[in-house]
N, C-alpha and C. Protein backbone atom coordinates (compact mmCIF):
# COMPACT_ATOMS: atom_id res chain seq x y z
N MET A 1 0.78 -1.28 -0.10
CA MET A 1 -0.17 0.03 0.12
C MET A 1 0.75 1.11 -0.02
N SER A 2 0.50 2.29 -0.70
CA SER A 2 1.34 3.58 -0.88
C SER A 2 0.79 4.48 0.08
N ASN A 3 1.49 5.55 0.45
CA ASN A 3 1.02 6.80 1.05
C ASN A 3 0.09 7.47 0.32
N ILE A 4 -0.85 8.10 1.13
CA ILE A 4 -1.74 9.04 0.40
C ILE A 4 -1.62 10.44 0.98
N THR A 5 -1.70 11.32 0.11
CA THR A 5 -1.57 12.73 0.68
C THR A 5 -3.00 13.33 0.40
N VAL A 6 -3.58 14.14 1.46
CA VAL A 6 -4.79 14.74 1.15
C VAL A 6 -4.78 16.18 1.61
N LYS A 7 -5.24 17.05 0.52
CA LYS A 7 -5.05 18.57 0.87
C LYS A 7 -6.17 18.85 1.76
N SER A 8 -6.02 20.14 2.46
CA SER A 8 -6.90 20.64 3.17
C SER A 8 -8.36 20.78 2.67
N GLY A 9 -9.22 20.20 3.04
CA GLY A 9 -10.80 20.48 2.46
C GLY A 9 -11.23 19.47 1.35
N ASP A 10 -10.13 18.55 1.15
CA ASP A 10 -10.35 17.63 0.20
C ASP A 10 -11.29 16.53 0.88
N THR A 11 -12.17 15.69 0.09
CA THR A 11 -12.84 14.55 0.43
C THR A 11 -12.11 13.34 0.16
N VAL A 12 -12.01 12.39 1.00
CA VAL A 12 -11.55 11.02 0.60
C VAL A 12 -12.73 10.15 0.59
N VAL A 13 -12.90 9.31 -0.51
CA VAL A 13 -13.98 8.21 -0.47
C VAL A 13 -13.29 6.98 -0.53
N ILE A 14 -13.37 6.15 0.74
CA ILE A 14 -12.91 4.72 0.81
C ILE A 14 -13.71 3.68 0.48
N ASN A 15 -13.50 2.98 -0.36
CA ASN A 15 -14.35 1.74 -0.73
C ASN A 15 -13.66 0.50 -0.02
N PRO A 16 -14.26 0.15 0.93
CA PRO A 16 -13.68 -0.94 1.93
C PRO A 16 -13.97 -2.39 1.17
N LYS A 17 -13.00 -3.31 1.34
CA LYS A 17 -13.09 -4.83 0.61
C LYS A 17 -14.49 -5.25 1.50
N PRO A 18 -15.27 -6.14 0.85
CA PRO A 18 -16.22 -6.79 1.45
C PRO A 18 -16.07 -7.40 2.85
N SER A 19 -16.56 -7.08 3.88
CA SER A 19 -16.28 -7.68 5.03
C SER A 19 -17.51 -7.56 5.99
N GLY A 20 -18.77 -7.64 5.35
CA GLY A 20 -19.89 -7.28 6.19
C GLY A 20 -20.42 -6.17 6.04
N TYR A 21 -19.73 -5.18 5.79
CA TYR A 21 -20.16 -3.74 5.50
C TYR A 21 -21.16 -3.61 4.22
N ASN A 22 -22.14 -2.78 4.08
CA ASN A 22 -22.79 -2.83 2.99
C ASN A 22 -23.03 -1.12 2.45
N ARG A 23 -22.22 -0.54 2.90
CA ARG A 23 -22.12 1.05 2.44
C ARG A 23 -20.79 1.49 2.19
N THR A 24 -20.55 2.80 1.61
CA THR A 24 -19.26 3.39 1.32
C THR A 24 -19.02 4.13 2.43
N THR A 25 -17.88 4.12 2.94
CA THR A 25 -17.32 4.97 4.19
C THR A 25 -16.72 6.21 3.70
N VAL A 26 -17.00 7.28 4.30
CA VAL A 26 -16.72 8.44 3.87
C VAL A 26 -15.82 9.02 4.87
N ALA A 27 -14.31 9.51 4.64
CA ALA A 27 -13.65 10.24 5.82
C ALA A 27 -13.31 11.58 5.20
N GLN A 28 -13.40 12.59 5.75
CA GLN A 28 -13.04 13.79 5.30
C GLN A 28 -11.66 14.22 6.11
N GLN A 29 -10.54 14.70 5.45
CA GLN A 29 -9.22 14.98 6.26
C GLN A 29 -8.79 16.24 5.65
N PRO A 30 -7.96 17.08 6.28
CA PRO A 30 -7.51 16.85 7.81
C PRO A 30 -8.62 17.60 8.66
N ALA A 31 -9.32 18.49 8.14
CA ALA A 31 -10.12 19.46 8.78
C ALA A 31 -11.14 18.63 9.84
N LYS A 32 -11.66 17.56 9.55
CA LYS A 32 -12.64 16.82 10.07
C LYS A 32 -12.25 15.37 10.15
N ASN A 33 -12.31 14.51 11.26
CA ASN A 33 -12.06 13.38 11.33
C ASN A 33 -13.32 12.59 11.53
N ALA A 34 -14.15 12.47 10.64
CA ALA A 34 -15.50 11.88 10.54
C ALA A 34 -15.51 10.66 9.62
N ILE A 35 -16.38 9.88 10.10
CA ILE A 35 -16.59 8.52 9.22
C ILE A 35 -18.14 8.35 9.20
N ASP A 36 -18.61 8.31 8.11
CA ASP A 36 -19.64 8.08 8.12
C ASP A 36 -20.38 6.51 8.12
N ILE A 37 -20.95 6.02 9.22
CA ILE A 37 -21.24 4.89 9.63
C ILE A 37 -22.51 4.44 9.39
N ALA A 38 -23.49 5.41 8.83
CA ALA A 38 -24.91 4.90 8.45
C ALA A 38 -25.15 3.88 7.68
N GLY A 39 -25.84 3.05 7.96
CA GLY A 39 -26.12 1.90 7.15
C GLY A 39 -25.13 0.67 7.43
N LEU A 40 -24.39 0.79 8.29
CA LEU A 40 -23.29 -0.35 8.43
C LEU A 40 -24.43 -1.43 9.35
N LYS A 41 -23.80 -2.70 8.89
CA LYS A 41 -24.63 -3.89 9.28
C LYS A 41 -24.24 -3.88 10.78
N GLY A 42 -25.27 -4.38 11.71
CA GLY A 42 -24.97 -4.77 13.03
C GLY A 42 -25.65 -3.60 14.08
N GLY A 43 -25.04 -2.40 13.79
CA GLY A 43 -25.51 -1.22 14.61
C GLY A 43 -24.95 -1.20 16.03
N GLY A 44 -23.79 -1.93 16.03
CA GLY A 44 -23.35 -1.87 17.63
C GLY A 44 -23.20 -3.15 18.19
N ASP A 45 -22.75 -3.18 19.42
CA ASP A 45 -22.88 -4.59 20.21
C ASP A 45 -24.15 -4.63 20.85
N LYS A 46 -24.37 -5.83 21.12
CA LYS A 46 -25.60 -6.22 21.88
C LYS A 46 -25.51 -5.92 23.23
N ASN A 47 -26.61 -5.61 23.97
CA ASN A 47 -26.57 -5.38 25.41
C ASN A 47 -28.05 -5.83 26.05
N TYR A 48 -28.02 -5.78 27.33
CA TYR A 48 -29.24 -6.04 27.82
C TYR A 48 -29.37 -5.50 29.37
N ILE A 49 -30.48 -5.08 29.94
CA ILE A 49 -30.74 -4.70 31.23
C ILE A 49 -31.76 -5.44 31.82
N HIS A 50 -31.42 -6.09 32.89
CA HIS A 50 -32.21 -6.97 33.81
C HIS A 50 -32.60 -6.04 34.95
N LEU A 51 -34.07 -6.22 35.01
CA LEU A 51 -34.55 -5.60 36.36
C LEU A 51 -35.05 -6.69 37.47
N GLN A 52 -34.26 -6.39 38.59
CA GLN A 52 -34.67 -7.43 39.63
C GLN A 52 -35.45 -6.84 40.50
N ASN A 53 -36.86 -6.81 40.41
CA ASN A 53 -37.92 -6.35 41.50
C ASN A 53 -37.97 -6.66 42.83
N THR A 54 -37.81 -8.05 42.88
CA THR A 54 -37.81 -8.93 43.89
C THR A 54 -36.46 -9.14 44.71
N PRO A 55 -36.18 -8.45 45.86
CA PRO A 55 -35.01 -8.78 46.58
C PRO A 55 -34.70 -10.07 46.69
N SER A 56 -33.42 -10.47 46.37
CA SER A 56 -32.79 -11.72 46.13
C SER A 56 -31.49 -11.74 46.45
N SER A 57 -30.74 -12.59 47.01
CA SER A 57 -29.24 -12.89 47.03
C SER A 57 -28.69 -13.60 45.72
N VAL A 58 -29.48 -14.31 44.83
CA VAL A 58 -29.12 -14.97 44.00
C VAL A 58 -30.23 -14.64 42.68
N TRP A 59 -29.59 -14.18 41.72
CA TRP A 59 -30.25 -13.84 40.55
C TRP A 59 -29.78 -14.49 39.19
N MET A 60 -30.76 -15.40 38.74
CA MET A 60 -30.38 -16.54 37.53
C MET A 60 -31.07 -15.50 36.51
N ILE A 61 -30.36 -15.13 35.25
CA ILE A 61 -30.86 -14.13 34.49
C ILE A 61 -30.46 -15.05 33.09
N THR A 62 -31.57 -14.82 32.23
CA THR A 62 -31.45 -15.24 30.55
C THR A 62 -31.48 -13.74 30.04
N HIS A 63 -30.14 -13.78 29.06
CA HIS A 63 -30.05 -12.32 28.61
C HIS A 63 -30.14 -12.67 27.08
N ASN A 64 -29.95 -13.78 26.84
CA ASN A 64 -30.10 -14.35 25.12
C ASN A 64 -29.10 -13.37 24.16
N LEU A 65 -27.80 -12.99 24.61
CA LEU A 65 -26.84 -12.07 24.01
C LEU A 65 -25.92 -13.00 23.18
N ASN A 66 -26.07 -14.39 23.29
CA ASN A 66 -25.15 -15.34 22.66
C ASN A 66 -23.76 -14.91 22.80
N LYS A 67 -23.31 -14.45 23.95
CA LYS A 67 -21.99 -14.17 24.31
C LYS A 67 -21.57 -14.31 25.83
N ARG A 68 -20.67 -14.03 26.42
CA ARG A 68 -20.35 -13.94 27.83
C ARG A 68 -19.98 -12.55 28.18
N PRO A 69 -21.17 -11.57 28.32
CA PRO A 69 -20.83 -10.21 28.69
C PRO A 69 -20.37 -9.81 29.77
N SER A 70 -19.90 -8.38 29.98
CA SER A 70 -19.67 -7.99 31.16
C SER A 70 -20.90 -7.61 31.83
N VAL A 71 -20.66 -7.63 33.17
CA VAL A 71 -21.96 -7.44 33.91
C VAL A 71 -21.72 -6.23 34.92
N THR A 72 -22.49 -5.38 35.13
CA THR A 72 -22.35 -4.36 36.00
C THR A 72 -23.76 -4.43 36.85
N VAL A 73 -23.79 -4.37 38.29
CA VAL A 73 -24.97 -4.45 39.14
C VAL A 73 -25.14 -3.40 40.07
N VAL A 74 -26.28 -2.57 39.99
CA VAL A 74 -26.56 -1.67 41.01
C VAL A 74 -27.90 -1.88 41.75
N ASP A 75 -27.65 -1.52 43.05
CA ASP A 75 -29.38 -1.58 43.89
C ASP A 75 -30.13 -0.39 43.54
N SER A 76 -31.17 -0.49 44.21
CA SER A 76 -32.13 0.30 43.97
C SER A 76 -31.85 1.89 44.06
N ALA A 77 -30.80 2.14 44.89
CA ALA A 77 -30.53 3.43 45.04
C ALA A 77 -29.27 3.91 43.97
N GLU A 78 -29.02 2.87 42.98
CA GLU A 78 -27.90 2.97 41.88
C GLU A 78 -26.70 2.99 42.35
N GLU A 79 -26.45 2.32 43.50
CA GLU A 79 -24.96 2.07 43.87
C GLU A 79 -24.43 0.71 43.41
N ILE A 80 -23.29 0.68 42.80
CA ILE A 80 -22.76 -0.51 42.26
C ILE A 80 -22.50 -1.53 43.62
N VAL A 81 -22.88 -2.77 43.14
CA VAL A 81 -22.87 -3.82 44.22
C VAL A 81 -22.03 -4.94 43.58
N TYR A 82 -21.25 -5.40 44.32
CA TYR A 82 -20.11 -6.70 43.77
C TYR A 82 -20.86 -8.00 44.44
N GLY A 83 -20.38 -8.85 43.42
CA GLY A 83 -20.82 -10.36 43.84
C GLY A 83 -20.31 -11.30 42.74
N GLU A 84 -20.65 -12.46 42.59
CA GLU A 84 -20.12 -13.50 41.95
C GLU A 84 -20.94 -13.69 40.83
N VAL A 85 -20.12 -13.69 39.78
CA VAL A 85 -20.84 -13.78 38.26
C VAL A 85 -20.50 -15.28 37.77
N GLU A 86 -21.37 -16.32 37.66
CA GLU A 86 -21.16 -17.49 37.18
C GLU A 86 -22.05 -17.48 35.51
N TYR A 87 -21.03 -17.85 34.49
CA TYR A 87 -21.73 -17.92 33.46
C TYR A 87 -22.13 -19.37 33.07
N ASN A 88 -23.40 -19.67 33.04
CA ASN A 88 -24.08 -21.05 32.87
C ASN A 88 -23.96 -21.38 31.64
N SER A 89 -23.93 -20.38 30.53
CA SER A 89 -23.93 -20.70 29.18
C SER A 89 -23.75 -19.26 28.59
N ASP A 90 -23.71 -19.16 27.27
CA ASP A 90 -23.55 -18.06 26.62
C ASP A 90 -24.80 -17.02 26.53
N ASN A 91 -25.93 -17.58 26.87
CA ASN A 91 -26.94 -16.95 27.58
C ASN A 91 -27.53 -16.85 28.72
N GLN A 92 -27.22 -17.38 29.63
CA GLN A 92 -27.52 -17.23 31.08
C GLN A 92 -26.56 -16.95 32.15
N VAL A 93 -26.74 -16.21 33.10
CA VAL A 93 -25.66 -16.13 34.25
C VAL A 93 -26.34 -16.23 35.45
N THR A 94 -25.58 -16.53 36.40
CA THR A 94 -26.28 -16.66 37.79
C THR A 94 -25.29 -15.54 38.61
N LEU A 95 -25.90 -14.56 39.07
CA LEU A 95 -25.27 -13.67 40.10
C LEU A 95 -25.53 -14.02 41.57
N THR A 96 -24.42 -13.84 42.37
CA THR A 96 -24.70 -14.31 43.86
C THR A 96 -24.05 -13.09 44.69
N PHE A 97 -24.88 -12.88 45.73
CA PHE A 97 -24.35 -11.77 46.55
C PHE A 97 -24.42 -12.15 47.96
N ALA A 98 -23.82 -11.31 48.85
CA ALA A 98 -23.94 -11.46 50.21
C ALA A 98 -25.14 -11.41 50.87
N GLY A 99 -25.98 -10.47 50.29
CA GLY A 99 -27.38 -10.22 50.93
C GLY A 99 -28.19 -10.24 49.98
N ALA A 100 -29.65 -10.20 50.19
CA ALA A 100 -30.64 -10.03 49.36
C ALA A 100 -30.89 -8.46 49.14
N PHE A 101 -31.29 -8.22 47.81
CA PHE A 101 -31.50 -6.78 47.47
C PHE A 101 -32.16 -6.72 45.95
N SER A 102 -32.69 -5.40 45.57
CA SER A 102 -33.39 -5.42 44.23
C SER A 102 -32.59 -4.44 43.44
N GLY A 103 -32.66 -4.62 42.34
CA GLY A 103 -32.00 -3.68 41.44
C GLY A 103 -31.92 -3.65 40.03
N LYS A 104 -30.89 -3.57 39.34
CA LYS A 104 -30.58 -3.82 37.95
C LYS A 104 -29.02 -4.51 37.71
N ALA A 105 -29.14 -5.08 36.53
CA ALA A 105 -27.87 -5.84 36.01
C ALA A 105 -27.99 -5.24 34.72
N TYR A 106 -26.70 -4.87 34.40
CA TYR A 106 -26.45 -4.13 32.96
C TYR A 106 -25.17 -5.11 32.23
N PHE A 107 -25.75 -5.82 30.94
CA PHE A 107 -25.06 -6.84 30.33
C PHE A 107 -24.56 -6.11 29.09
N ASN A 108 -23.31 -5.96 28.91
CA ASN A 108 -22.73 -5.55 27.36
C ASN A 108 -21.88 -6.50 26.89
């Protein structure tokens, strides 16, 4: 691959090799570092929010994200709570805490 020189205000159009993307990517240099990602397949990574309304010290959650996501848990006061995360599968986890409480689990 050779070096490319772009003059101020010029627009560079990049046609990526087929890799799952279905649109042309546009990058303007050097005044703006912007990439037009509208129309790319996927739309970002999957996530899930679990609401635990009934206080419990063990939360068994099916998130259906088909991966082993990072997990952040907060109580009803939005304070982070630490516990044990056991990945039962790529779609289910068991969260175990020292005491029972209600709150939310964020999966990314």
